[in-house]
Structure formats: C-alpha cells, structure tokens
C-alpha cells in the first residue's frame, strides 16, 4: 500500500479499484471549508474519517441521484493535513458512470498552497430494488 500511495501522490497510476485513469468521462471541482467543531480532532488535525465524508458530501452536491448509489469499494491515501480555517479544493477526475454504478478519483488539496493532502478512489453501485 505504501508504494501505491507514493504512486498516487506522484500521479503515476493507471488503474485502481477497476477505475481507469485514462478514461475521463467527466470531471468536477468543489470547495469545502472544514468545520472546526465537527471535522477536526483534539489535536486540530482533520479527522481521518472525515476525508471520505467530505468527498461524499461534495459528490452529493454535484450529483443528486434519485436513487443514491451505495459504496462498493474505497481507498484513501493520506499525504498531509490542513490547518483550521483553511479551505479544501476537491478535484473529481477519471469519473465513470455506467449501468454498474459510479466510480471516481478525487484529489484533495489545501486551498492555501495547492498541496495535495489526499487521494480518494471510490466505487459505488446502484441499489438493487
């Protein structure tokens, strides 16, 4: 996993969780301002579990499906953190929509200096009714 995280940080990957980086069927940018009361832990670090919640919130604001998909797989690669009061820039790339569901790669960057602090690859499937 360590080697894979280094490759993501460098942007040197081609496929992960069945998502092909070269297949850019869409992209989206979003900004998020983490809440000091809910998103940070006692050491003033962005709580690791909130990275995925932030990506899910940004996705929901971008794509409000009538039947929201459910998570089928997700990997997070942490590279850094953010200070209280700093905004995050989320860049959704390598987005795939299909009959099987939705998949995307999201780069999370600090708004202050553009430094990448996380890569999040998510695969969701449509609900079966």
N, C-alpha and C. Protein backbone atom coordinates (compact mmCIF):
# COMPACT_ATOMS: atom_id res chain seq x y z
N UNK A 1 0.83 -1.20 0.00
CA UNK A 1 0.00 0.00 0.00
C UNK A 1 0.87 1.26 0.00
N UNK A 2 2.02 1.18 0.69
CA UNK A 2 2.91 2.34 0.74
C UNK A 2 3.39 2.74 -0.64
N UNK A 3 3.79 1.75 -1.44
CA UNK A 3 4.25 2.03 -2.80
C UNK A 3 3.12 2.60 -3.65
N UNK A 4 1.93 2.07 -3.48
CA UNK A 4 0.78 2.57 -4.23
C UNK A 4 0.46 4.01 -3.83
N UNK A 5 0.56 4.32 -2.54
CA UNK A 5 0.31 5.69 -2.07
C UNK A 5 1.31 6.66 -2.70
N UNK A 6 2.58 6.25 -2.81
CA UNK A 6 3.59 7.11 -3.44
C UNK A 6 3.25 7.35 -4.90
N UNK A 7 2.76 6.30 -5.57
CA UNK A 7 2.40 6.46 -6.97
C UNK A 7 1.22 7.42 -7.14
N UNK A 8 0.24 7.32 -6.24
CA UNK A 8 -0.90 8.25 -6.30
C UNK A 8 -0.44 9.68 -6.06
N UNK A 9 0.40 9.86 -5.05
CA UNK A 9 0.88 11.20 -4.72
C UNK A 9 1.59 11.84 -5.92
N UNK A 10 2.33 11.01 -6.66
CA UNK A 10 3.07 11.49 -7.83
C UNK A 10 2.20 11.54 -9.09
N UNK A 11 0.97 11.03 -9.00
CA UNK A 11 0.10 10.99 -10.17
C UNK A 11 0.52 9.92 -11.16
N UNK A 12 1.22 8.90 -10.67
CA UNK A 12 1.77 7.83 -11.50
C UNK A 12 1.00 6.52 -11.30
N UNK A 13 -0.25 6.49 -11.71
CA UNK A 13 -1.06 5.28 -11.62
C UNK A 13 -1.96 5.23 -12.84
N UNK A 14 -2.38 4.03 -13.21
CA UNK A 14 -3.23 3.91 -14.39
C UNK A 14 -4.59 3.28 -14.10
N UNK A 15 -4.66 2.40 -13.07
CA UNK A 15 -5.91 1.73 -12.76
C UNK A 15 -5.94 1.38 -11.28
N UNK A 16 -7.10 1.57 -10.66
CA UNK A 16 -7.28 1.19 -9.26
C UNK A 16 -8.76 0.97 -8.99
N UNK A 17 -9.08 -0.09 -8.27
CA UNK A 17 -10.47 -0.48 -7.98
C UNK A 17 -11.32 -0.54 -9.25
N UNK A 18 -10.68 -0.93 -10.35
CA UNK A 18 -11.39 -1.04 -11.62
C UNK A 18 -11.59 0.28 -12.33
N UNK A 19 -11.09 1.37 -11.77
CA UNK A 19 -11.22 2.69 -12.39
C UNK A 19 -9.98 2.96 -13.24
N UNK A 20 -10.20 3.25 -14.50
CA UNK A 20 -9.11 3.54 -15.42
C UNK A 20 -8.88 5.04 -15.46
N UNK A 21 -7.68 5.46 -15.05
CA UNK A 21 -7.36 6.88 -15.00
C UNK A 21 -7.49 7.54 -16.38
N UNK A 22 -7.14 6.83 -17.43
CA UNK A 22 -7.16 7.39 -18.78
C UNK A 22 -8.57 7.65 -19.29
N UNK A 23 -9.58 7.03 -18.66
CA UNK A 23 -10.96 7.21 -19.12
C UNK A 23 -11.61 8.35 -18.37
N UNK A 24 -11.44 9.55 -18.88
CA UNK A 24 -12.02 10.73 -18.25
C UNK A 24 -13.39 11.00 -18.87
N UNK A 25 -14.42 10.43 -18.26
CA UNK A 25 -15.77 10.64 -18.78
C UNK A 25 -16.44 11.83 -18.11
N UNK A 26 -15.71 12.51 -17.27
CA UNK A 26 -16.25 13.69 -16.61
C UNK A 26 -15.26 14.19 -15.58
N UNK A 27 -15.49 15.39 -15.12
CA UNK A 27 -14.67 15.95 -14.04
C UNK A 27 -15.50 17.02 -13.35
N UNK A 28 -15.07 17.33 -12.13
CA UNK A 28 -15.81 18.31 -11.34
C UNK A 28 -14.88 18.87 -10.26
N UNK A 29 -15.01 20.14 -9.98
CA UNK A 29 -14.24 20.79 -8.92
C UNK A 29 -15.22 21.24 -7.84
N UNK A 30 -14.77 21.17 -6.60
CA UNK A 30 -15.60 21.62 -5.48
C UNK A 30 -14.68 22.20 -4.40
N UNK A 31 -15.24 23.06 -3.59
CA UNK A 31 -14.51 23.62 -2.45
C UNK A 31 -15.25 23.24 -1.17
N UNK A 32 -14.51 22.99 -0.12
CA UNK A 32 -15.10 22.62 1.15
C UNK A 32 -14.32 23.31 2.27
N UNK A 33 -15.03 23.94 3.17
CA UNK A 33 -14.41 24.56 4.34
C UNK A 33 -14.71 23.69 5.55
N UNK A 34 -13.70 22.94 6.04
CA UNK A 34 -13.92 22.06 7.19
C UNK A 34 -14.37 22.84 8.43
N UNK A 35 -15.28 22.25 9.17
CA UNK A 35 -15.81 22.86 10.39
C UNK A 35 -14.88 22.55 11.56
N UNK A 36 -14.45 23.58 12.31
CA UNK A 36 -13.54 23.33 13.43
C UNK A 36 -14.17 22.51 14.54
N UNK A 37 -15.49 22.48 14.62
CA UNK A 37 -16.17 21.75 15.70
C UNK A 37 -16.45 20.29 15.35
N UNK A 38 -16.62 20.00 14.06
CA UNK A 38 -17.03 18.66 13.68
C UNK A 38 -15.97 17.90 12.87
N UNK A 39 -15.12 18.60 12.14
CA UNK A 39 -14.20 17.93 11.23
C UNK A 39 -12.80 17.70 11.80
N UNK A 40 -12.46 18.38 12.89
CA UNK A 40 -11.11 18.27 13.45
C UNK A 40 -11.13 17.52 14.78
N UNK A 41 -10.00 16.86 15.07
CA UNK A 41 -9.89 16.16 16.35
C UNK A 41 -9.27 17.09 17.41
N UNK A 42 -9.01 16.56 18.59
CA UNK A 42 -8.48 17.36 19.69
C UNK A 42 -7.10 17.93 19.43
N UNK A 43 -6.36 17.36 18.49
CA UNK A 43 -5.03 17.86 18.14
C UNK A 43 -5.09 18.84 16.96
N UNK A 44 -6.29 19.29 16.61
CA UNK A 44 -6.53 20.21 15.50
C UNK A 44 -6.07 19.66 14.15
N UNK A 45 -6.16 18.34 14.00
CA UNK A 45 -5.91 17.69 12.72
C UNK A 45 -7.25 17.27 12.13
N UNK A 46 -7.37 17.41 10.81
CA UNK A 46 -8.60 16.97 10.16
C UNK A 46 -8.75 15.48 10.42
N UNK A 47 -9.83 15.10 11.06
CA UNK A 47 -10.07 13.72 11.45
C UNK A 47 -10.10 12.85 10.20
N UNK A 48 -9.33 11.75 10.21
CA UNK A 48 -9.15 10.93 9.01
C UNK A 48 -10.46 10.42 8.44
N UNK A 49 -11.43 10.09 9.27
CA UNK A 49 -12.71 9.58 8.77
C UNK A 49 -13.49 10.65 8.02
N UNK A 50 -13.18 11.92 8.26
CA UNK A 50 -13.93 12.98 7.59
C UNK A 50 -13.48 13.21 6.16
N UNK A 51 -12.30 12.70 5.78
CA UNK A 51 -11.89 12.83 4.37
C UNK A 51 -12.94 12.17 3.47
N UNK A 52 -13.35 10.95 3.81
CA UNK A 52 -14.33 10.28 2.96
C UNK A 52 -15.69 10.95 3.06
N UNK A 53 -16.03 11.46 4.23
CA UNK A 53 -17.31 12.16 4.38
C UNK A 53 -17.33 13.44 3.54
N UNK A 54 -16.22 14.14 3.49
CA UNK A 54 -16.12 15.37 2.70
C UNK A 54 -16.27 15.05 1.21
N UNK A 55 -15.63 13.98 0.76
CA UNK A 55 -15.76 13.57 -0.65
C UNK A 55 -17.20 13.18 -0.95
N UNK A 56 -17.84 12.44 -0.05
CA UNK A 56 -19.24 12.06 -0.26
C UNK A 56 -20.16 13.29 -0.30
N UNK A 57 -19.93 14.25 0.58
CA UNK A 57 -20.76 15.48 0.57
C UNK A 57 -20.59 16.24 -0.74
N UNK A 58 -19.34 16.38 -1.19
CA UNK A 58 -19.09 17.09 -2.45
C UNK A 58 -19.72 16.35 -3.63
N UNK A 59 -19.63 15.02 -3.61
CA UNK A 59 -20.27 14.24 -4.67
C UNK A 59 -21.78 14.44 -4.65
N UNK A 60 -22.37 14.45 -3.47
CA UNK A 60 -23.82 14.62 -3.34
C UNK A 60 -24.27 15.99 -3.85
N UNK A 61 -23.48 17.03 -3.59
CA UNK A 61 -23.82 18.36 -4.10
C UNK A 61 -23.72 18.42 -5.62
N UNK A 62 -22.82 17.62 -6.17
CA UNK A 62 -22.59 17.60 -7.61
C UNK A 62 -23.60 16.70 -8.32
N UNK A 63 -23.83 15.51 -7.78
CA UNK A 63 -24.70 14.52 -8.42
C UNK A 63 -25.77 14.06 -7.43
N UNK A 64 -26.93 14.64 -7.51
CA UNK A 64 -28.02 14.23 -6.63
C UNK A 64 -28.89 13.22 -7.35
N UNK A 65 -28.53 11.97 -7.17
CA UNK A 65 -29.24 10.89 -7.83
C UNK A 65 -30.58 10.65 -7.14
N UNK A 66 -31.60 10.28 -7.94
CA UNK A 66 -32.89 9.91 -7.35
C UNK A 66 -32.72 8.71 -6.42
N UNK A 67 -31.89 7.78 -6.82
CA UNK A 67 -31.57 6.59 -6.02
C UNK A 67 -30.06 6.62 -5.78
N UNK A 68 -29.61 7.20 -4.68
CA UNK A 68 -28.17 7.30 -4.45
C UNK A 68 -27.50 5.92 -4.43
N UNK A 69 -26.32 5.82 -5.07
CA UNK A 69 -25.62 4.54 -5.07
C UNK A 69 -25.02 4.24 -3.70
N UNK A 70 -24.62 3.00 -3.49
CA UNK A 70 -24.01 2.57 -2.23
C UNK A 70 -22.54 2.24 -2.48
N UNK A 71 -21.73 2.42 -1.48
CA UNK A 71 -20.29 2.20 -1.62
C UNK A 71 -19.99 0.72 -1.82
N UNK A 72 -19.22 0.43 -2.86
CA UNK A 72 -18.79 -0.93 -3.14
C UNK A 72 -17.30 -1.09 -2.85
N UNK A 73 -16.56 0.01 -2.85
CA UNK A 73 -15.13 -0.04 -2.55
C UNK A 73 -14.57 1.37 -2.47
N UNK A 74 -13.58 1.54 -1.61
CA UNK A 74 -12.96 2.86 -1.49
C UNK A 74 -11.57 2.68 -0.89
N UNK A 75 -10.62 3.42 -1.44
CA UNK A 75 -9.28 3.50 -0.87
C UNK A 75 -8.91 4.97 -0.71
N UNK A 76 -8.32 5.27 0.44
CA UNK A 76 -7.86 6.63 0.74
C UNK A 76 -6.36 6.60 0.96
N UNK A 77 -5.69 7.58 0.37
CA UNK A 77 -4.25 7.73 0.54
C UNK A 77 -4.01 9.12 1.13
N UNK A 78 -3.51 9.17 2.34
CA UNK A 78 -3.30 10.43 3.04
C UNK A 78 -1.87 10.91 2.82
N UNK A 79 -1.73 12.19 2.48
CA UNK A 79 -0.40 12.75 2.21
C UNK A 79 -0.10 13.94 3.10
N UNK A 80 -1.09 14.50 3.76
CA UNK A 80 -0.87 15.70 4.57
C UNK A 80 -2.12 16.08 5.31
N UNK A 81 -2.15 17.30 5.80
CA UNK A 81 -3.30 17.76 6.56
C UNK A 81 -3.56 19.21 6.23
N UNK A 82 -4.52 19.78 6.92
CA UNK A 82 -4.95 21.16 6.69
C UNK A 82 -5.07 21.85 8.04
N UNK A 83 -4.85 23.15 8.06
CA UNK A 83 -4.98 23.91 9.30
C UNK A 83 -6.41 24.41 9.48
N UNK A 84 -6.77 24.68 10.72
CA UNK A 84 -8.08 25.27 11.00
C UNK A 84 -8.25 26.53 10.16
N UNK A 85 -9.42 26.68 9.56
CA UNK A 85 -9.72 27.88 8.77
C UNK A 85 -9.32 27.78 7.31
N UNK A 86 -8.60 26.73 6.92
CA UNK A 86 -8.20 26.57 5.52
C UNK A 86 -9.26 25.80 4.75
N UNK A 87 -9.51 26.24 3.54
CA UNK A 87 -10.46 25.55 2.67
C UNK A 87 -9.75 24.41 1.93
N UNK A 88 -10.53 23.44 1.50
CA UNK A 88 -10.04 22.33 0.70
C UNK A 88 -10.58 22.48 -0.72
N UNK A 89 -9.77 22.08 -1.69
CA UNK A 89 -10.19 22.02 -3.08
C UNK A 89 -10.26 20.55 -3.47
N UNK A 90 -11.41 20.13 -3.95
CA UNK A 90 -11.61 18.74 -4.36
C UNK A 90 -11.74 18.69 -5.88
N UNK A 91 -10.95 17.84 -6.48
CA UNK A 91 -10.98 17.68 -7.92
C UNK A 91 -11.35 16.24 -8.25
N UNK A 92 -12.55 16.06 -8.79
CA UNK A 92 -13.01 14.73 -9.20
C UNK A 92 -12.57 14.50 -10.64
N UNK A 93 -11.82 13.44 -10.86
CA UNK A 93 -11.32 13.11 -12.19
C UNK A 93 -11.55 11.63 -12.44
N UNK A 94 -11.25 11.21 -13.66
CA UNK A 94 -11.42 9.81 -14.05
C UNK A 94 -12.79 9.30 -13.62
N UNK A 95 -13.79 10.11 -13.82
CA UNK A 95 -15.16 9.79 -13.41
C UNK A 95 -15.79 8.84 -14.41
N UNK A 96 -16.42 7.78 -13.90
CA UNK A 96 -17.12 6.83 -14.75
C UNK A 96 -18.55 6.64 -14.24
N UNK A 97 -19.51 6.78 -15.14
CA UNK A 97 -20.91 6.48 -14.85
C UNK A 97 -21.29 5.32 -15.75
N UNK A 98 -22.04 4.39 -15.22
CA UNK A 98 -22.46 3.29 -16.07
C UNK A 98 -23.58 2.51 -15.43
N UNK A 99 -23.94 1.41 -16.08
CA UNK A 99 -25.01 0.59 -15.56
C UNK A 99 -24.63 -0.03 -14.22
N UNK A 100 -23.33 -0.28 -14.03
CA UNK A 100 -22.88 -0.88 -12.78
C UNK A 100 -22.83 0.09 -11.62
N UNK A 101 -22.74 1.39 -11.93
CA UNK A 101 -22.68 2.39 -10.87
C UNK A 101 -21.82 3.58 -11.24
N UNK A 102 -21.10 4.06 -10.26
CA UNK A 102 -20.32 5.29 -10.36
C UNK A 102 -18.95 5.03 -9.76
N UNK A 103 -17.92 5.57 -10.37
CA UNK A 103 -16.57 5.49 -9.81
C UNK A 103 -15.87 6.81 -10.08
N UNK A 104 -15.00 7.22 -9.15
CA UNK A 104 -14.22 8.43 -9.37
C UNK A 104 -12.98 8.45 -8.49
N UNK A 105 -12.05 9.27 -8.95
CA UNK A 105 -10.82 9.56 -8.22
C UNK A 105 -10.92 11.02 -7.82
N UNK A 106 -10.72 11.30 -6.55
CA UNK A 106 -10.79 12.67 -6.05
C UNK A 106 -9.46 13.05 -5.41
N UNK A 107 -8.86 14.12 -5.91
CA UNK A 107 -7.67 14.68 -5.29
C UNK A 107 -8.13 15.77 -4.33
N UNK A 108 -7.66 15.72 -3.10
CA UNK A 108 -7.99 16.72 -2.09
C UNK A 108 -6.75 17.58 -1.87
N UNK A 109 -6.88 18.89 -2.07
CA UNK A 109 -5.74 19.81 -1.93
C UNK A 109 -6.08 20.93 -0.96
N UNK A 110 -5.04 21.43 -0.31
CA UNK A 110 -5.21 22.62 0.53
C UNK A 110 -5.43 23.81 -0.37
N UNK A 111 -6.39 24.64 -0.02
CA UNK A 111 -6.65 25.83 -0.81
C UNK A 111 -5.55 26.86 -0.71
N UNK A 112 -4.84 26.89 0.40
CA UNK A 112 -3.82 27.93 0.63
C UNK A 112 -2.60 27.79 -0.27
N UNK A 113 -2.17 26.55 -0.53
CA UNK A 113 -0.95 26.37 -1.33
C UNK A 113 -1.09 25.32 -2.42
N UNK A 114 -2.25 24.70 -2.56
CA UNK A 114 -2.48 23.71 -3.60
C UNK A 114 -1.83 22.36 -3.35
N UNK A 115 -1.23 22.17 -2.17
CA UNK A 115 -0.58 20.91 -1.85
C UNK A 115 -1.61 19.80 -1.71
N UNK A 116 -1.34 18.67 -2.39
CA UNK A 116 -2.26 17.53 -2.31
C UNK A 116 -2.13 16.89 -0.93
N UNK A 117 -3.27 16.70 -0.26
CA UNK A 117 -3.24 16.07 1.07
C UNK A 117 -3.91 14.70 1.06
N UNK A 118 -4.62 14.35 -0.01
CA UNK A 118 -5.23 13.02 -0.07
C UNK A 118 -5.66 12.69 -1.50
N UNK A 119 -5.68 11.40 -1.77
CA UNK A 119 -6.30 10.84 -2.97
C UNK A 119 -7.37 9.88 -2.48
N UNK A 120 -8.55 9.97 -3.05
CA UNK A 120 -9.66 9.10 -2.65
C UNK A 120 -10.25 8.48 -3.91
N UNK A 121 -10.20 7.15 -3.98
CA UNK A 121 -10.79 6.43 -5.11
C UNK A 121 -12.02 5.71 -4.57
N UNK A 122 -13.15 5.98 -5.21
CA UNK A 122 -14.43 5.45 -4.74
C UNK A 122 -15.14 4.72 -5.87
N UNK A 123 -15.71 3.58 -5.55
CA UNK A 123 -16.57 2.84 -6.48
C UNK A 123 -17.89 2.62 -5.77
N UNK A 124 -18.98 3.00 -6.41
CA UNK A 124 -20.32 2.81 -5.85
C UNK A 124 -21.15 2.04 -6.86
N UNK A 125 -22.11 1.29 -6.35
CA UNK A 125 -23.01 0.53 -7.22
C UNK A 125 -24.43 1.04 -7.01
N UNK A 126 -25.22 0.87 -8.05
CA UNK A 126 -26.63 1.27 -7.95
C UNK A 126 -27.35 0.30 -7.01
N UNK A 127 -28.31 0.81 -6.32
CA UNK A 127 -29.11 -0.03 -5.42
C UNK A 127 -29.96 -0.99 -6.22
N UNK A 128 -30.10 -2.19 -5.70
CA UNK A 128 -30.94 -3.20 -6.34
C UNK A 128 -32.28 -3.19 -5.63
N UNK A 129 -33.34 -3.03 -6.39
CA UNK A 129 -34.70 -2.98 -5.82
C UNK A 129 -35.47 -4.18 -6.25
